[in-house]
N, C-alpha and C. Protein backbone atom coordinates (compact mmCIF):
# COMPACT_ATOMS: atom_id res chain seq x y z
N VAL A 1 -7.99 -6.47 4.01
CA VAL A 1 -7.17 -5.80 2.80
C VAL A 1 -6.04 -6.61 2.52
N THR A 2 -5.63 -6.58 1.39
CA THR A 2 -4.37 -7.37 0.80
C THR A 2 -3.37 -6.25 0.27
N VAL A 3 -2.20 -6.34 0.76
CA VAL A 3 -1.14 -5.43 0.15
C VAL A 3 -0.17 -6.27 -0.53
N LYS A 4 0.15 -6.00 -1.84
CA LYS A 4 1.01 -6.69 -2.68
C LYS A 4 2.01 -5.66 -3.09
N LEU A 5 3.33 -5.98 -3.17
CA LEU A 5 4.38 -5.20 -3.71
C LEU A 5 5.14 -5.99 -4.84
N PHE A 6 5.26 -5.33 -5.93
CA PHE A 6 6.01 -6.08 -7.12
C PHE A 6 7.32 -5.14 -7.48
N ASP A 7 8.35 -5.88 -7.86
CA ASP A 7 9.48 -5.05 -8.25
C ASP A 7 9.27 -4.62 -9.71
N SER A 8 10.27 -4.01 -10.42
CA SER A 8 10.14 -3.35 -11.59
C SER A 8 10.11 -4.54 -12.77
N ASN A 9 10.46 -5.74 -12.43
CA ASN A 9 10.12 -6.85 -13.31
C ASN A 9 8.77 -7.59 -13.06
N ASN A 10 7.89 -6.94 -12.29
CA ASN A 10 6.63 -7.57 -11.93
C ASN A 10 6.75 -8.84 -11.09
N SER A 11 7.74 -9.05 -10.38
CA SER A 11 7.99 -10.22 -9.50
C SER A 11 7.53 -9.75 -8.17
N SER A 12 6.60 -10.62 -7.52
CA SER A 12 6.13 -10.36 -6.26
C SER A 12 7.28 -10.23 -5.23
N ILE A 13 7.33 -9.21 -4.37
CA ILE A 13 8.32 -9.05 -3.30
C ILE A 13 7.70 -8.95 -1.93
N PHE A 14 6.40 -8.80 -1.83
CA PHE A 14 5.64 -8.78 -0.56
C PHE A 14 4.14 -9.06 -0.79
N ASN A 15 3.46 -9.90 0.02
CA ASN A 15 2.15 -10.27 -0.11
C ASN A 15 1.63 -10.49 1.21
N GLU A 16 0.81 -9.52 1.75
CA GLU A 16 0.30 -9.72 3.03
C GLU A 16 -1.19 -9.33 3.15
N SER A 17 -2.00 -10.01 4.04
CA SER A 17 -3.45 -9.66 4.19
C SER A 17 -3.54 -9.19 5.65
N TYR A 18 -4.44 -8.26 5.79
CA TYR A 18 -4.77 -7.73 7.16
C TYR A 18 -6.22 -7.64 7.25
N VAL A 19 -6.71 -7.84 8.53
CA VAL A 19 -8.06 -7.57 8.91
C VAL A 19 -8.23 -6.31 9.66
N LEU A 20 -9.00 -5.32 9.12
CA LEU A 20 -9.07 -4.03 9.64
C LEU A 20 -10.50 -3.69 9.99
N ASP A 21 -10.71 -2.98 11.06
CA ASP A 21 -11.92 -2.35 11.30
C ASP A 21 -12.19 -1.07 10.52
N PRO A 22 -13.46 -0.60 10.36
CA PRO A 22 -13.58 0.60 9.61
C PRO A 22 -12.86 1.77 10.19
N GLU A 23 -12.28 2.56 9.44
CA GLU A 23 -11.45 3.68 9.79
C GLU A 23 -10.13 3.43 10.60
N GLU A 24 -9.81 2.07 10.51
CA GLU A 24 -8.48 1.74 11.07
C GLU A 24 -7.50 2.02 9.96
N LYS A 25 -6.24 2.17 10.36
CA LYS A 25 -5.17 2.59 9.46
C LYS A 25 -4.05 1.46 9.59
N ILE A 26 -3.45 1.24 8.38
CA ILE A 26 -2.09 0.46 8.37
C ILE A 26 -1.08 1.42 8.23
N LYS A 27 -0.08 1.49 9.14
CA LYS A 27 0.99 2.22 8.96
C LYS A 27 2.21 1.38 9.12
N SER A 28 2.82 0.95 8.11
CA SER A 28 3.94 -0.02 8.11
C SER A 28 5.12 0.41 7.32
N GLN A 29 6.25 -0.12 7.71
CA GLN A 29 7.35 -0.08 6.95
C GLN A 29 7.68 -1.59 6.46
N TYR A 30 7.69 -1.81 5.25
CA TYR A 30 7.66 -3.15 4.80
C TYR A 30 9.09 -3.71 4.64
N PRO A 31 9.37 -4.97 4.80
CA PRO A 31 10.61 -5.59 4.86
C PRO A 31 11.46 -5.50 3.50
N VAL A 32 10.97 -4.65 2.67
CA VAL A 32 11.76 -4.44 1.38
C VAL A 32 11.80 -2.91 1.11
N ARG A 33 12.86 -2.50 0.47
CA ARG A 33 12.97 -1.06 0.13
C ARG A 33 12.03 -0.74 -1.07
N LEU A 34 11.27 0.32 -0.97
CA LEU A 34 10.57 0.74 -2.05
C LEU A 34 11.35 1.63 -2.96
N ILE A 35 11.80 1.05 -4.05
CA ILE A 35 12.65 1.78 -5.00
C ILE A 35 11.93 1.98 -6.18
N THR A 36 12.51 2.96 -7.10
CA THR A 36 11.98 3.22 -8.37
C THR A 36 11.53 2.05 -9.18
N GLY A 37 10.24 2.14 -9.62
CA GLY A 37 9.59 0.85 -10.31
C GLY A 37 8.84 -0.11 -9.46
N THR A 38 8.87 0.04 -8.10
CA THR A 38 8.12 -0.86 -7.22
C THR A 38 6.64 -0.43 -7.47
N TYR A 39 5.87 -1.48 -7.67
CA TYR A 39 4.43 -1.30 -7.92
C TYR A 39 3.70 -1.71 -6.64
N ILE A 40 2.78 -0.96 -6.27
CA ILE A 40 2.06 -1.17 -4.98
C ILE A 40 0.56 -1.43 -5.35
N GLU A 41 0.01 -2.51 -4.88
CA GLU A 41 -1.37 -2.85 -5.16
C GLU A 41 -2.07 -3.19 -3.89
N VAL A 42 -3.13 -2.47 -3.65
CA VAL A 42 -3.96 -2.62 -2.39
C VAL A 42 -5.32 -3.02 -2.83
N THR A 43 -5.94 -4.12 -2.26
CA THR A 43 -7.20 -4.61 -2.69
C THR A 43 -8.07 -4.72 -1.38
N LEU A 44 -9.26 -4.01 -1.32
CA LEU A 44 -10.12 -4.21 -0.34
C LEU A 44 -11.09 -5.40 -0.51
N ASP A 45 -11.70 -6.00 0.55
CA ASP A 45 -12.44 -7.11 0.34
C ASP A 45 -13.46 -7.07 -0.78
N ASN A 46 -14.20 -5.96 -0.93
CA ASN A 46 -15.22 -5.79 -1.97
C ASN A 46 -14.50 -5.51 -3.31
N ASN A 47 -13.29 -5.86 -3.54
CA ASN A 47 -12.48 -5.71 -4.84
C ASN A 47 -12.32 -4.33 -5.35
N ILE A 48 -12.27 -3.48 -4.31
CA ILE A 48 -11.84 -2.04 -4.65
C ILE A 48 -10.23 -2.09 -4.66
N ILE A 49 -9.67 -1.73 -5.75
CA ILE A 49 -8.17 -1.79 -6.03
C ILE A 49 -7.66 -0.33 -6.00
N LYS A 50 -6.58 -0.14 -5.40
CA LYS A 50 -5.80 1.14 -5.52
C LYS A 50 -4.54 0.73 -5.86
N ALA A 51 -3.70 1.33 -6.74
CA ALA A 51 -2.40 1.09 -7.11
C ALA A 51 -1.61 2.20 -7.34
N GLU A 52 -0.33 2.16 -7.06
CA GLU A 52 0.63 3.23 -7.19
C GLU A 52 2.08 2.66 -7.61
N THR A 53 2.72 3.42 -8.44
CA THR A 53 4.07 3.12 -8.81
C THR A 53 4.99 4.03 -8.15
N VAL A 54 6.06 3.45 -7.55
CA VAL A 54 7.10 4.44 -6.87
C VAL A 54 7.98 4.91 -8.05
N TYR A 55 8.15 6.31 -8.04
CA TYR A 55 8.95 6.89 -9.20
C TYR A 55 10.19 7.36 -8.74
N SER A 56 10.58 7.28 -7.46
CA SER A 56 11.92 7.59 -7.01
C SER A 56 12.21 6.70 -5.75
N ASN A 57 13.48 6.49 -5.45
CA ASN A 57 13.78 5.69 -4.27
C ASN A 57 13.28 6.34 -3.02
N LEU A 58 12.62 5.52 -2.07
CA LEU A 58 12.28 6.02 -0.85
C LEU A 58 13.23 5.82 0.25
N SER A 59 13.28 6.70 1.11
CA SER A 59 14.21 6.41 2.28
C SER A 59 13.49 5.53 3.30
N ASP A 60 14.41 5.34 4.31
CA ASP A 60 13.87 4.41 5.42
C ASP A 60 12.82 5.17 6.27
N THR A 61 12.67 6.36 6.22
CA THR A 61 11.76 7.28 6.96
C THR A 61 10.36 7.47 6.21
N ASP A 62 10.33 7.11 4.93
CA ASP A 62 9.11 7.23 4.08
C ASP A 62 8.15 6.15 4.54
N ILE A 63 6.87 6.52 4.53
CA ILE A 63 5.82 5.62 5.17
C ILE A 63 4.71 5.46 4.09
N LEU A 64 4.30 4.28 3.88
CA LEU A 64 3.19 3.90 3.09
C LEU A 64 2.02 3.79 3.96
N TYR A 65 0.98 4.67 3.74
CA TYR A 65 -0.27 4.71 4.53
C TYR A 65 -1.36 4.06 3.78
N ILE A 66 -2.11 3.22 4.39
CA ILE A 66 -3.40 2.68 3.73
C ILE A 66 -4.46 2.96 4.80
N ASN A 67 -5.48 3.52 4.34
CA ASN A 67 -6.63 3.93 5.08
C ASN A 67 -7.86 3.45 4.67
N ILE A 68 -8.67 2.66 5.49
CA ILE A 68 -9.95 2.16 5.10
C ILE A 68 -11.01 2.94 5.85
N ASN A 69 -12.07 3.43 5.12
CA ASN A 69 -13.16 4.13 5.66
C ASN A 69 -14.44 3.69 5.06
N ALA A 70 -15.06 2.72 5.85
CA ALA A 70 -16.36 2.06 5.35
C ALA A 70 -17.56 3.00 5.15
N ARG A 71 -17.45 4.24 5.73
CA ARG A 71 -18.56 5.10 5.68
C ARG A 71 -18.31 6.28 4.61
N SER A 72 -17.57 5.93 3.53
CA SER A 72 -17.27 6.85 2.63
C SER A 72 -17.65 6.40 1.23
N ASP A 73 -17.65 7.35 0.22
CA ASP A 73 -17.84 6.94 -1.12
C ASP A 73 -16.49 6.62 -1.64
N ASN A 74 -15.50 6.89 -1.07
CA ASN A 74 -13.97 6.49 -1.42
C ASN A 74 -13.37 5.68 -0.18
N PRO A 75 -13.66 4.44 -0.09
CA PRO A 75 -13.44 3.69 1.06
C PRO A 75 -11.83 3.28 1.32
N LEU A 76 -11.18 3.48 0.26
CA LEU A 76 -9.73 3.03 0.37
C LEU A 76 -8.87 4.14 -0.20
N ASP A 77 -7.92 4.52 0.64
CA ASP A 77 -6.90 5.58 0.31
C ASP A 77 -5.45 4.95 0.56
N LEU A 78 -4.72 5.15 -0.44
CA LEU A 78 -3.38 4.59 -0.44
C LEU A 78 -2.42 5.95 -0.70
N SER A 79 -1.46 6.06 0.11
CA SER A 79 -0.53 7.26 -0.02
C SER A 79 0.85 7.01 0.55
N ILE A 80 1.73 7.64 0.00
CA ILE A 80 3.26 7.52 0.44
C ILE A 80 3.60 8.82 1.11
N VAL A 81 3.99 8.79 2.31
CA VAL A 81 4.32 10.15 2.99
C VAL A 81 5.73 10.28 3.29
N THR A 82 6.39 11.33 3.07
CA THR A 82 7.75 11.66 3.43
C THR A 82 7.65 12.56 4.54
N PRO A 83 8.08 12.20 5.83
CA PRO A 83 8.14 13.05 6.92
C PRO A 83 9.03 14.30 6.80
């Protein structure tokens, strides 16, 4: 799975690939602040793409979750969680 983050000017600010087992999760705080206008794009190996735009500044405790489930009709889930 590849995770890309773009700022509000569409400039790449993060690009990282991960190898995941089915039903494994990525729970990460990225080395950049997710602020208003940040565009998140996640691509699964079989070219399933999920994208989300951040509409308000996120705090240091907010977490971006990426869940891969190979045994599902919706194998890729992307969500931002505020604890």
